[in-house]
Amino acid sequence: MKIVTWNCNGALRKKVIEIDSLDADVLVIQECENPAESTKSYRSWAGKYLWVGTSKNKGIGAFPKNGNTVEKLDWQGDLKYQG
């Protein structure tokens, strides 16, 4: 599985052709706009995505591609390093 993460610095809707060229299975994109509040073509590209943010213009999106899925976990707790 190929996972790509990228800080797109906003306006992901204008950069989807470039990111699609990487042929990732899951894209995790920082500083992207909320597809639900953007253009129809961007919403279509986003598919069944997850997006979290406090501003409609900059959040974190997880975009599954190639038939993959993502789901939000109802997880609470602390991460502790044990090394």
N, C-alpha and C. Protein backbone atom coordinates (compact mmCIF):
# COMPACT_ATOMS: atom_id res chain seq x y z
N MET A 1 0.85 -1.17 0.00
CA MET A 1 0.00 0.00 0.00
C MET A 1 0.90 1.23 0.00
N LYS A 2 0.57 2.16 -0.86
CA LYS A 2 1.34 3.40 -0.97
C LYS A 2 0.55 4.53 -0.34
N ILE A 3 1.12 5.13 0.71
CA ILE A 3 0.50 6.25 1.41
C ILE A 3 1.38 7.48 1.18
N VAL A 4 0.77 8.56 0.73
CA VAL A 4 1.49 9.80 0.49
C VAL A 4 0.93 10.86 1.43
N THR A 5 1.82 11.59 2.09
CA THR A 5 1.42 12.72 2.91
C THR A 5 2.10 13.97 2.36
N TRP A 6 1.36 15.09 2.40
CA TRP A 6 1.88 16.31 1.78
C TRP A 6 1.18 17.52 2.40
N ASN A 7 1.94 18.54 2.70
CA ASN A 7 1.39 19.82 3.10
C ASN A 7 1.24 20.64 1.83
N CYS A 8 0.02 20.71 1.31
CA CYS A 8 -0.22 21.35 0.01
C CYS A 8 -0.27 22.87 0.11
N ASN A 9 -0.28 23.43 1.32
CA ASN A 9 -0.29 24.88 1.52
C ASN A 9 -1.52 25.53 0.87
N GLY A 10 -2.65 24.84 0.97
CA GLY A 10 -3.91 25.38 0.48
C GLY A 10 -4.16 25.10 -1.00
N ALA A 11 -5.40 25.33 -1.42
CA ALA A 11 -5.85 25.21 -2.81
C ALA A 11 -5.55 23.84 -3.42
N LEU A 12 -5.79 22.77 -2.68
CA LEU A 12 -5.58 21.42 -3.21
C LEU A 12 -6.40 21.20 -4.47
N ARG A 13 -7.58 21.81 -4.54
CA ARG A 13 -8.45 21.64 -5.71
C ARG A 13 -7.74 22.01 -7.00
N LYS A 14 -6.71 22.86 -6.93
CA LYS A 14 -5.95 23.27 -8.11
C LYS A 14 -4.73 22.39 -8.35
N LYS A 15 -4.47 21.41 -7.46
CA LYS A 15 -3.25 20.62 -7.53
C LYS A 15 -3.51 19.12 -7.64
N VAL A 16 -4.75 18.72 -7.84
CA VAL A 16 -5.07 17.29 -7.82
C VAL A 16 -4.43 16.51 -8.96
N ILE A 17 -4.23 17.13 -10.10
CA ILE A 17 -3.58 16.42 -11.22
C ILE A 17 -2.16 16.02 -10.84
N GLU A 18 -1.44 16.93 -10.20
CA GLU A 18 -0.07 16.64 -9.79
C GLU A 18 -0.02 15.53 -8.74
N ILE A 19 -0.89 15.59 -7.73
CA ILE A 19 -0.87 14.58 -6.67
C ILE A 19 -1.36 13.23 -7.20
N ASP A 20 -2.28 13.22 -8.15
CA ASP A 20 -2.74 11.97 -8.73
C ASP A 20 -1.63 11.25 -9.50
N SER A 21 -0.67 11.99 -10.00
CA SER A 21 0.42 11.37 -10.75
C SER A 21 1.27 10.45 -9.87
N LEU A 22 1.16 10.57 -8.54
CA LEU A 22 1.91 9.72 -7.61
C LEU A 22 1.26 8.35 -7.44
N ASP A 23 0.03 8.20 -7.89
CA ASP A 23 -0.71 6.93 -7.84
C ASP A 23 -0.70 6.30 -6.45
N ALA A 24 -1.03 7.11 -5.44
CA ALA A 24 -1.08 6.62 -4.06
C ALA A 24 -2.40 5.90 -3.80
N ASP A 25 -2.37 5.01 -2.82
CA ASP A 25 -3.59 4.34 -2.38
C ASP A 25 -4.36 5.19 -1.38
N VAL A 26 -3.63 5.94 -0.57
CA VAL A 26 -4.24 6.87 0.39
C VAL A 26 -3.40 8.14 0.40
N LEU A 27 -4.07 9.27 0.31
CA LEU A 27 -3.42 10.58 0.41
C LEU A 27 -3.80 11.21 1.74
N VAL A 28 -2.82 11.67 2.49
CA VAL A 28 -3.06 12.40 3.73
C VAL A 28 -2.50 13.79 3.50
N ILE A 29 -3.40 14.76 3.35
CA ILE A 29 -3.00 16.09 2.90
C ILE A 29 -3.27 17.13 3.99
N GLN A 30 -2.22 17.83 4.38
CA GLN A 30 -2.34 18.90 5.36
C GLN A 30 -2.60 20.22 4.64
N GLU A 31 -3.30 21.11 5.32
CA GLU A 31 -3.62 22.45 4.85
C GLU A 31 -4.45 22.45 3.56
N CYS A 32 -5.35 21.48 3.45
CA CYS A 32 -6.25 21.46 2.29
C CYS A 32 -7.62 21.98 2.71
N GLU A 33 -8.37 22.46 1.74
CA GLU A 33 -9.71 22.97 2.03
C GLU A 33 -10.70 21.82 2.13
N ASN A 34 -11.79 22.08 2.80
CA ASN A 34 -12.85 21.09 3.00
C ASN A 34 -13.59 20.87 1.68
N PRO A 35 -13.55 19.65 1.13
CA PRO A 35 -14.26 19.40 -0.12
C PRO A 35 -15.75 19.73 -0.05
N ALA A 36 -16.36 19.53 1.11
CA ALA A 36 -17.80 19.79 1.25
C ALA A 36 -18.14 21.26 1.01
N GLU A 37 -17.15 22.14 1.16
CA GLU A 37 -17.39 23.57 0.99
C GLU A 37 -16.60 24.15 -0.18
N SER A 38 -16.33 23.31 -1.17
CA SER A 38 -15.53 23.74 -2.31
C SER A 38 -16.24 23.40 -3.62
N THR A 39 -15.50 23.28 -4.68
CA THR A 39 -16.07 23.08 -6.01
C THR A 39 -16.60 21.66 -6.22
N LYS A 40 -17.50 21.52 -7.17
CA LYS A 40 -18.08 20.22 -7.48
C LYS A 40 -17.01 19.24 -7.97
N SER A 41 -16.09 19.71 -8.79
CA SER A 41 -15.05 18.82 -9.31
C SER A 41 -14.11 18.34 -8.20
N TYR A 42 -13.82 19.21 -7.24
CA TYR A 42 -12.98 18.83 -6.10
C TYR A 42 -13.71 17.81 -5.22
N ARG A 43 -15.01 18.01 -4.99
CA ARG A 43 -15.80 17.05 -4.21
C ARG A 43 -15.81 15.69 -4.90
N SER A 44 -15.95 15.70 -6.19
CA SER A 44 -15.96 14.45 -6.95
C SER A 44 -14.60 13.75 -6.84
N TRP A 45 -13.52 14.48 -6.97
CA TRP A 45 -12.18 13.92 -6.85
C TRP A 45 -11.97 13.34 -5.45
N ALA A 46 -12.46 14.04 -4.42
CA ALA A 46 -12.23 13.64 -3.03
C ALA A 46 -12.85 12.29 -2.70
N GLY A 47 -13.97 11.96 -3.33
CA GLY A 47 -14.61 10.67 -3.06
C GLY A 47 -15.09 10.56 -1.62
N LYS A 48 -14.90 9.39 -1.02
CA LYS A 48 -15.32 9.15 0.37
C LYS A 48 -14.13 9.46 1.28
N TYR A 49 -13.96 10.71 1.56
CA TYR A 49 -12.82 11.24 2.29
C TYR A 49 -13.16 11.48 3.76
N LEU A 50 -12.13 11.73 4.55
CA LEU A 50 -12.29 12.26 5.91
C LEU A 50 -11.57 13.59 5.94
N TRP A 51 -12.15 14.57 6.59
CA TRP A 51 -11.54 15.89 6.68
C TRP A 51 -11.79 16.45 8.06
N VAL A 52 -10.77 17.02 8.68
CA VAL A 52 -10.89 17.63 10.01
C VAL A 52 -10.20 18.98 9.96
N GLY A 53 -10.87 20.00 10.47
CA GLY A 53 -10.26 21.32 10.52
C GLY A 53 -11.15 22.32 11.23
N THR A 54 -10.58 23.42 11.60
CA THR A 54 -11.35 24.48 12.27
C THR A 54 -11.65 25.63 11.32
N SER A 55 -11.05 25.62 10.14
CA SER A 55 -11.30 26.61 9.10
C SER A 55 -11.64 25.84 7.83
N LYS A 56 -12.61 26.29 7.06
CA LYS A 56 -12.97 25.58 5.83
C LYS A 56 -11.83 25.55 4.82
N ASN A 57 -10.85 26.42 5.02
CA ASN A 57 -9.76 26.53 4.07
C ASN A 57 -8.51 25.73 4.42
N LYS A 58 -8.34 25.35 5.67
CA LYS A 58 -7.13 24.62 6.04
C LYS A 58 -7.44 23.58 7.10
N GLY A 59 -7.36 22.33 6.68
CA GLY A 59 -7.56 21.21 7.57
C GLY A 59 -6.70 20.05 7.10
N ILE A 60 -6.96 18.88 7.65
CA ILE A 60 -6.25 17.67 7.24
C ILE A 60 -7.27 16.75 6.58
N GLY A 61 -6.94 16.30 5.39
CA GLY A 61 -7.82 15.41 4.66
C GLY A 61 -7.16 14.06 4.42
N ALA A 62 -7.94 13.00 4.53
CA ALA A 62 -7.49 11.65 4.16
C ALA A 62 -8.36 11.23 2.99
N PHE A 63 -7.71 10.98 1.86
CA PHE A 63 -8.41 10.69 0.62
C PHE A 63 -8.02 9.30 0.12
N PRO A 64 -8.90 8.31 0.26
CA PRO A 64 -8.60 6.97 -0.23
C PRO A 64 -8.77 6.90 -1.75
N LYS A 65 -7.89 6.17 -2.39
CA LYS A 65 -7.95 5.99 -3.85
C LYS A 65 -7.82 4.51 -4.16
N ASN A 66 -7.98 4.15 -5.41
CA ASN A 66 -7.79 2.77 -5.88
C ASN A 66 -8.65 1.75 -5.13
N GLY A 67 -9.89 2.15 -4.79
CA GLY A 67 -10.81 1.23 -4.13
C GLY A 67 -10.60 1.07 -2.62
N ASN A 68 -9.71 1.85 -2.03
CA ASN A 68 -9.47 1.78 -0.59
C ASN A 68 -10.48 2.63 0.17
N THR A 69 -10.56 2.42 1.48
CA THR A 69 -11.46 3.20 2.32
C THR A 69 -10.71 3.70 3.54
N VAL A 70 -11.22 4.75 4.13
CA VAL A 70 -10.72 5.26 5.41
C VAL A 70 -11.93 5.46 6.31
N GLU A 71 -11.72 5.36 7.61
CA GLU A 71 -12.82 5.61 8.54
C GLU A 71 -12.29 6.29 9.79
N LYS A 72 -13.13 7.12 10.35
CA LYS A 72 -12.78 7.83 11.57
C LYS A 72 -12.93 6.88 12.76
N LEU A 73 -11.93 6.87 13.62
CA LEU A 73 -11.99 6.05 14.82
C LEU A 73 -12.45 6.91 15.99
N ASP A 74 -13.27 6.38 16.84
CA ASP A 74 -13.69 7.06 18.05
C ASP A 74 -12.72 6.66 19.15
N TRP A 75 -11.54 7.24 19.08
CA TRP A 75 -10.46 6.85 19.98
C TRP A 75 -10.10 8.02 20.87
N GLN A 76 -9.90 7.72 22.15
CA GLN A 76 -9.47 8.74 23.11
C GLN A 76 -8.40 8.12 23.98
N GLY A 77 -7.45 8.90 24.36
CA GLY A 77 -6.39 8.39 25.21
C GLY A 77 -5.08 9.09 24.94
N ASP A 78 -4.07 8.65 25.63
CA ASP A 78 -2.74 9.21 25.50
C ASP A 78 -1.85 8.22 24.77
N LEU A 79 -0.98 8.75 23.96
CA LEU A 79 0.04 7.92 23.33
C LEU A 79 1.26 7.96 24.22
N LYS A 80 1.80 6.82 24.55
CA LYS A 80 2.99 6.75 25.41
C LYS A 80 4.06 5.96 24.70
N TYR A 81 5.21 6.54 24.64
CA TYR A 81 6.35 5.87 24.02
C TYR A 81 6.98 4.93 25.01
N GLN A 82 7.18 3.71 24.60
CA GLN A 82 7.87 2.73 25.44
C GLN A 82 9.04 2.18 24.64
N GLY A 83 10.21 2.72 24.88
CA GLY A 83 11.34 2.33 24.04
C GLY A 83 12.49 1.74 24.79
